[in-house]
N, C-alpha and C. Protein backbone atom coordinates (compact mmCIF):
# COMPACT_ATOMS: atom_id res chain seq x y z
N UNK A 1 62.54 5.48 114.95
CA UNK A 1 62.22 6.40 113.84
C UNK A 1 62.14 7.90 113.85
N UNK A 2 63.07 8.88 113.66
CA UNK A 2 62.61 10.04 113.64
C UNK A 2 62.79 10.99 112.37
N UNK A 3 62.04 12.16 112.64
CA UNK A 3 61.65 13.04 111.20
C UNK A 3 62.43 14.54 112.47
N UNK A 4 63.15 15.13 111.06
CA UNK A 4 64.19 16.22 111.58
C UNK A 4 64.11 16.93 110.31
N UNK A 5 64.39 18.11 110.59
CA UNK A 5 64.61 19.41 109.45
C UNK A 5 65.69 19.73 109.35
N UNK A 6 66.34 19.68 108.02
CA UNK A 6 67.96 19.44 107.99
C UNK A 6 67.61 20.82 107.22
N UNK A 7 69.05 21.95 107.29
CA UNK A 7 69.07 22.72 106.64
C UNK A 7 70.49 22.88 105.79
N UNK A 8 70.84 22.79 104.84
CA UNK A 8 71.99 22.73 104.01
C UNK A 8 72.42 24.44 104.48
N UNK A 9 73.66 24.50 104.53
CA UNK A 9 74.39 25.90 104.24
C UNK A 9 75.74 26.26 104.21
N UNK A 10 75.49 27.05 103.18
CA UNK A 10 76.99 27.57 102.68
C UNK A 10 77.12 26.54 101.07
N UNK A 11 78.33 26.21 100.46
CA UNK A 11 78.42 25.41 99.74
C UNK A 11 77.73 24.08 99.82
N UNK A 12 77.52 23.82 100.93
CA UNK A 12 76.66 22.19 101.25
C UNK A 12 75.25 22.24 100.47
N UNK A 13 74.84 23.35 100.91
CA UNK A 13 73.19 23.98 99.76
C UNK A 13 73.49 23.69 98.43
N UNK A 14 74.88 24.04 97.86
CA UNK A 14 74.80 24.21 96.33
C UNK A 14 74.32 22.87 95.96
N UNK A 15 75.31 22.06 96.70
CA UNK A 15 75.60 20.85 96.41
C UNK A 15 74.30 19.88 96.44
N UNK A 16 74.03 19.96 97.57
CA UNK A 16 72.44 19.56 97.81
C UNK A 16 71.40 19.56 96.68
N UNK A 17 71.31 21.01 96.15
CA UNK A 17 70.10 21.27 95.78
C UNK A 17 69.37 21.78 96.48
N UNK A 18 69.49 22.19 97.76
CA UNK A 18 67.96 22.34 98.21
C UNK A 18 68.88 23.40 99.16
N UNK A 19 67.74 23.97 99.71
CA UNK A 19 67.87 24.82 101.60
C UNK A 19 67.47 24.53 102.26
N UNK A 20 66.20 24.03 102.49
CA UNK A 20 66.31 22.84 103.58
C UNK A 20 64.84 21.62 103.04
N UNK A 21 65.06 20.56 104.16
CA UNK A 21 64.33 19.51 103.72
C UNK A 21 63.95 19.16 105.03
N UNK A 22 62.60 18.39 105.40
CA UNK A 22 62.30 17.32 106.31
C UNK A 22 62.96 15.92 105.61
N UNK A 23 63.33 15.39 106.92
CA UNK A 23 64.06 14.09 106.67
C UNK A 23 63.40 12.82 107.64
N UNK A 24 62.83 11.93 107.07
CA UNK A 24 62.60 10.75 108.21
C UNK A 24 63.70 9.81 108.15
N UNK A 25 63.89 9.19 109.36
CA UNK A 25 65.02 8.39 109.27
C UNK A 25 64.39 6.87 110.30
N UNK A 26 64.95 5.48 109.80
CA UNK A 26 64.39 4.69 110.92
C UNK A 26 65.70 4.56 112.02
N UNK A 27 66.69 5.63 112.33
CA UNK A 27 67.05 5.42 113.16
C UNK A 27 67.66 6.74 113.83
N UNK A 28 67.77 6.83 115.01
CA UNK A 28 67.28 8.61 116.12
C UNK A 28 68.65 8.87 116.46
N UNK A 29 70.15 8.09 116.01
CA UNK A 29 71.24 8.71 116.39
C UNK A 29 71.69 9.84 115.39
N UNK A 30 72.17 10.58 115.43
CA UNK A 30 72.87 12.09 114.70
C UNK A 30 73.65 11.65 114.09
N UNK A 31 74.45 10.32 113.89
CA UNK A 31 75.58 10.24 113.23
C UNK A 31 74.86 9.17 112.01
N UNK A 32 73.88 8.31 112.17
CA UNK A 32 73.23 7.73 110.90
C UNK A 32 72.61 8.65 110.56
N UNK A 33 71.49 9.40 111.14
CA UNK A 33 70.74 10.22 110.45
C UNK A 33 71.77 11.04 109.35
N UNK A 34 72.40 11.70 110.04
CA UNK A 34 73.34 12.79 109.04
C UNK A 34 74.10 11.79 107.67
N UNK A 35 74.64 10.30 108.09
CA UNK A 35 75.36 9.94 106.80
C UNK A 35 73.98 9.29 105.76
N UNK A 36 72.56 9.21 106.42
CA UNK A 36 71.94 9.08 105.44
C UNK A 36 71.25 10.46 104.76
N UNK A 37 71.30 11.63 105.64
CA UNK A 37 71.05 12.46 104.27
C UNK A 37 72.41 12.78 103.66
N UNK A 38 73.43 12.76 103.98
CA UNK A 38 74.60 13.36 102.96
C UNK A 38 74.86 12.48 102.06
N UNK A 39 74.35 11.09 102.12
CA UNK A 39 74.64 9.98 101.01
C UNK A 39 73.67 11.10 99.92
N UNK A 40 72.23 10.76 100.47
CA UNK A 40 70.98 10.84 99.39
C UNK A 40 71.27 12.44 98.78
N UNK A 41 71.62 13.31 99.31
CA UNK A 41 71.74 14.64 98.84
C UNK A 41 73.37 14.47 98.42
N UNK A 42 73.99 13.99 98.33
CA UNK A 42 75.58 13.89 97.84
C UNK A 42 76.60 15.34 98.59
N UNK A 43 76.46 15.31 99.53
CA UNK A 43 77.29 15.96 100.28
C UNK A 43 78.37 15.41 101.64
N UNK A 44 78.51 13.81 101.73
CA UNK A 44 79.18 13.04 102.20
C UNK A 44 80.66 13.70 102.16
N UNK A 45 81.32 14.32 101.18
CA UNK A 45 82.57 14.49 101.19
C UNK A 45 82.72 16.21 101.38
N UNK A 46 81.73 16.95 101.35
CA UNK A 46 82.09 18.12 102.36
C UNK A 46 81.41 17.97 103.54
N UNK A 47 81.05 16.85 104.66
CA UNK A 47 80.72 16.86 105.51
C UNK A 47 81.69 16.02 106.37
N UNK A 48 81.45 14.52 105.58
CA UNK A 48 82.12 13.46 106.15
C UNK A 48 83.34 12.72 106.31
N UNK A 49 84.30 12.08 107.27
CA UNK A 49 85.29 11.81 106.26
C UNK A 49 84.98 10.40 106.23
N UNK A 50 85.85 9.56 105.42
CA UNK A 50 85.48 8.13 104.97
C UNK A 50 85.07 7.03 106.17
N UNK A 51 85.32 7.23 107.67
CA UNK A 51 84.88 6.71 108.84
C UNK A 51 83.76 7.09 108.72
N UNK A 52 83.34 8.02 108.50
CA UNK A 52 82.06 8.55 109.41
C UNK A 52 82.14 9.77 110.09
N UNK A 53 83.09 10.31 110.37
CA UNK A 53 83.63 11.14 111.38
C UNK A 53 83.03 12.69 110.64
N UNK A 54 82.88 13.88 111.60
CA UNK A 54 82.81 14.96 110.75
C UNK A 54 84.37 15.69 110.84
N UNK A 55 84.04 16.18 109.63
CA UNK A 55 85.44 16.42 108.63
C UNK A 55 85.97 17.91 109.90
N UNK A 56 87.35 18.34 109.91
CA UNK A 56 87.44 18.94 110.66
C UNK A 56 87.06 20.93 110.43
N UNK A 57 86.71 20.99 109.08
CA UNK A 57 85.88 22.26 108.64
C UNK A 57 84.45 22.53 108.68
N UNK A 58 84.05 20.95 108.94
CA UNK A 58 82.41 21.20 109.03
C UNK A 58 81.71 21.62 110.33
N UNK A 59 80.46 21.66 109.93
CA UNK A 59 80.17 22.11 111.61
C UNK A 59 78.85 21.34 111.35
N UNK A 60 78.59 20.59 112.33
CA UNK A 60 76.93 20.31 112.48
C UNK A 60 75.80 20.81 113.54
N UNK A 61 75.13 21.31 113.33
CA UNK A 61 74.52 21.70 114.35
C UNK A 61 72.70 21.18 114.76
N UNK A 62 72.62 20.81 116.06
CA UNK A 62 71.17 20.38 116.48
C UNK A 62 70.84 21.50 117.27
N UNK A 63 69.60 21.63 116.73
CA UNK A 63 68.72 22.80 117.36
C UNK A 63 69.60 24.13 117.91
N UNK A 64 70.66 24.48 116.81
CA UNK A 64 71.32 25.75 116.55
C UNK A 64 72.62 25.77 117.88
N UNK A 65 73.11 24.39 118.65
CA UNK A 65 74.42 24.36 119.46
C UNK A 65 74.93 23.39 118.29
N UNK A 66 75.93 23.11 118.82
CA UNK A 66 77.12 21.91 118.26
C UNK A 66 76.78 20.66 118.83
N UNK A 67 76.90 19.74 117.83
CA UNK A 67 76.42 18.15 117.69
C UNK A 67 77.26 17.71 119.43
N UNK A 68 77.91 18.53 119.76
CA UNK A 68 78.41 17.95 121.25
C UNK A 68 78.04 17.95 121.97
N UNK A 69 76.87 19.04 122.35
CA UNK A 69 75.83 19.12 123.32
C UNK A 69 74.84 18.47 123.63
N UNK A 70 74.90 17.21 122.26
CA UNK A 70 73.92 16.02 122.64
C UNK A 70 74.59 14.72 122.57
N UNK A 71 76.18 14.82 122.65
CA UNK A 71 76.64 13.31 123.02
C UNK A 71 77.43 13.38 121.45
N UNK A 72 77.61 14.32 120.12
CA UNK A 72 78.33 13.97 119.31
C UNK A 72 77.08 13.24 118.81
N UNK A 73 78.14 12.74 117.47
CA UNK A 73 77.68 11.60 116.39
C UNK A 73 76.62 10.38 117.31
N UNK A 74 76.90 10.11 118.45
CA UNK A 74 75.71 8.94 119.29
C UNK A 74 75.02 9.74 119.80
N UNK A 75 75.07 11.34 119.67
CA UNK A 75 73.43 11.57 120.60
C UNK A 75 72.55 11.10 119.87
N UNK A 76 71.33 11.36 120.48
CA UNK A 76 69.95 11.10 119.85
C UNK A 76 69.38 12.04 119.82
N UNK A 77 68.41 11.91 118.50
CA UNK A 77 67.51 12.82 118.08
C UNK A 77 66.18 12.66 118.62
N UNK A 78 65.59 14.08 118.48
CA UNK A 78 63.64 13.54 118.74
C UNK A 78 63.39 14.46 117.51
N UNK A 79 61.82 13.82 117.34
CA UNK A 79 61.03 14.44 116.26
C UNK A 79 61.03 15.99 116.44
N UNK A 80 61.07 16.91 115.03
CA UNK A 80 61.05 18.11 115.16
C UNK A 80 62.56 18.33 115.24
N UNK A 81 63.36 17.82 115.59
CA UNK A 81 64.70 18.51 115.88
C UNK A 81 65.65 19.17 114.78
N UNK A 82 65.92 20.12 114.97
CA UNK A 82 66.40 21.00 113.24
C UNK A 82 68.13 20.53 113.34
N UNK A 83 68.44 20.03 112.15
CA UNK A 83 70.36 19.66 112.20
C UNK A 83 70.30 21.13 110.41
N UNK A 84 71.77 21.36 111.14
CA UNK A 84 72.32 22.21 110.38
C UNK A 84 73.54 21.90 109.84
N UNK A 85 73.76 21.77 108.63
CA UNK A 85 75.12 21.02 107.47
C UNK A 85 75.75 22.23 107.20
N UNK A 86 77.10 22.57 107.94
CA UNK A 86 77.74 23.50 107.49
C UNK A 86 79.07 23.33 106.62
N UNK A 87 79.74 23.78 105.86
CA UNK A 87 81.02 23.66 104.99
C UNK A 87 81.37 25.28 105.37
N UNK A 88 82.62 24.94 106.98
CA UNK A 88 82.78 26.62 106.85
C UNK A 88 84.77 26.91 106.73
N UNK A 89 84.75 26.21 105.47
CA UNK A 89 86.02 26.70 105.16
C UNK A 89 85.90 27.47 103.74
N UNK A 90 86.96 28.34 103.80
CA UNK A 90 86.70 29.44 102.66
C UNK A 90 86.20 28.62 101.49
N UNK A 91 85.65 29.24 100.53
CA UNK A 91 85.65 29.01 99.06
C UNK A 91 85.22 30.35 98.50
N UNK A 92 85.21 30.34 97.11
CA UNK A 92 85.06 31.59 96.23
C UNK A 92 83.37 31.58 95.86
N UNK A 93 82.79 31.10 95.71
CA UNK A 93 81.49 30.91 95.71
C UNK A 93 80.72 31.89 96.50
N UNK A 94 79.99 32.80 95.58
CA UNK A 94 78.83 33.54 96.00
C UNK A 94 77.50 32.88 96.52
N UNK A 95 77.58 32.35 97.93
CA UNK A 95 76.23 31.53 98.55
C UNK A 95 75.99 32.64 99.60
């Protein structure tokens, strides 16, 4: 089990209806936690492909660094880690 802070950025924040949340998961892998958060906050279509990979224009940061630094979506999370979900493709909303 892991407890993390998740920050929704850009249009992801609008769709999620929240700026930042604290989230507890039974899993400690980034991929599983992101899937759970994305499903719960209705942002899967912005962040993940149907097979669970990160979309090319989406970014996932863990403690301010690309998810690649912790082993990608299979990387292990620790209590207190900070995850940022970012949709970096241009859009017209004022966010």
